[in-house]
Protein backbone atom coordinates (compact mmCIF):
# COMPACT_ATOMS: atom_id res chain seq x y z
CA MET A 1 16.08 13.71 8.37
CA THR A 2 13.46 15.84 6.63
CA ARG A 3 11.52 14.05 3.87
CA GLU A 4 9.01 15.24 1.34
CA ILE A 5 6.22 13.50 -0.67
CA ASN A 6 4.10 15.11 -3.40
CA ILE A 7 0.64 13.73 -3.07
CA GLU A 8 -2.62 13.43 -4.98
CA ASN A 9 -6.21 14.62 -3.93
CA LEU A 10 -5.07 17.33 -1.49
CA LYS A 11 -7.73 19.94 -1.58
CA CYS A 12 -7.84 22.02 1.52
CA GLY A 13 -7.04 22.69 5.13
CA GLY A 14 -9.33 19.84 6.18
CA CYS A 15 -7.20 17.40 4.23
CA ALA A 16 -4.03 18.94 5.69
CA ASN A 17 -5.42 18.69 9.28
CA THR A 18 -6.17 14.92 8.82
CA ILE A 19 -2.69 14.32 7.28
CA THR A 20 -0.94 16.24 10.04
CA ARG A 21 -2.84 14.53 12.84
CA GLU A 22 -2.43 11.06 11.40
CA LEU A 23 1.29 11.20 10.58
CA SER A 24 2.14 12.96 13.81
CA ALA A 25 0.53 9.99 15.64
CA MET A 26 3.04 7.67 13.93
CA LYS A 27 6.00 6.59 16.01
CA GLY A 28 9.12 8.21 14.61
CA VAL A 29 7.43 10.93 12.55
CA ASP A 30 7.85 14.56 13.71
CA GLU A 31 7.55 18.11 12.42
CA VAL A 32 4.77 17.36 9.94
CA SER A 33 3.76 20.15 7.60
CA VAL A 34 1.41 20.17 4.61
CA ASP A 35 1.56 22.70 1.83
CA VAL A 36 -1.81 22.54 0.29
CA GLU A 37 -0.99 24.76 -2.68
CA ASN A 38 1.79 22.50 -3.78
CA SER A 39 0.33 19.19 -2.69
CA LEU A 40 3.42 18.63 -0.59
CA VAL A 41 3.89 16.81 2.78
CA LYS A 42 7.08 17.47 4.74
CA PHE A 43 8.08 15.58 7.82
CA SER A 44 11.03 14.40 9.82
CA ALA A 45 11.50 10.52 10.03
CA PRO A 46 14.19 7.92 9.64
CA GLU A 47 14.46 6.17 6.26
CA THR A 48 13.23 2.98 7.90
CA ILE A 49 9.66 4.16 8.08
CA PHE A 50 9.50 6.30 4.97
CA ASN A 51 7.53 3.56 3.16
CA LEU A 52 5.13 3.20 6.10
CA VAL A 53 4.35 6.96 5.88
CA LYS A 54 3.59 6.63 2.08
CA GLU A 55 1.34 3.70 2.86
CA LYS A 56 -0.49 5.63 5.56
CA LEU A 57 -1.01 8.60 3.13
CA SER A 58 -2.38 6.15 0.49
CA LYS A 59 -4.76 4.59 3.01
CA LEU A 60 -6.09 8.09 3.87
CA GLY A 61 -6.71 8.76 0.23
CA TYR A 62 -3.51 10.73 -0.63
CA PRO A 63 -1.28 8.44 -2.62
CA GLU A 64 2.13 9.75 -3.79
CA VAL A 65 2.13 11.49 -7.17
CA GLY A 66 2.95 8.78 -9.86
CA SER A 67 1.27 5.98 -7.79
CA ALA A 68 -2.10 4.54 -8.51
CA ASN A 69 -4.85 7.12 -7.77
CA ASN A 70 -8.18 5.24 -8.20
CA VAL A 71 -11.72 6.07 -7.30
CA LEU A 72 -11.22 4.46 -3.80
CA HIS A 73 -8.33 6.90 -3.03
CA LYS A 74 -10.41 9.80 -4.17
CA ALA A 75 -13.40 8.77 -2.06
CA LYS A 76 -11.21 8.21 0.92
CA SER A 77 -9.70 11.66 0.52
CA PHE A 78 -13.22 13.23 0.57
CA VAL A 79 -13.87 11.47 3.90
CA SER A 80 -10.42 12.47 5.34
CA CYS A 81 -11.14 16.03 4.18
CA ALA A 82 -14.48 16.17 5.89
CA VAL A 83 -13.12 14.62 9.21
CA GLY A 84 -10.24 17.13 9.03
CA ARG A 85 -12.71 20.04 8.86
CA ILE A 86 -14.70 18.78 11.98
CA LYS A 87 -11.75 18.12 14.25
């Protein structure tokens, strides 16, 4: 089933690359796409791992809109962004 999550701190293609790579590596997650302009992550996954995907995004620095978005999340998103630009 296709799922969508609006996230915070999404800035560029580097961020999108990191998110795509990390979510695609999760068992049960397929067809990951990231819409940078709308801060939207789309993916196919069963309901049973939906919360795991949200947790993974938060750990990368991209919490769901409406969740806590503290300085640590913002700092992690800068690192994720930089790594995504390199790889």
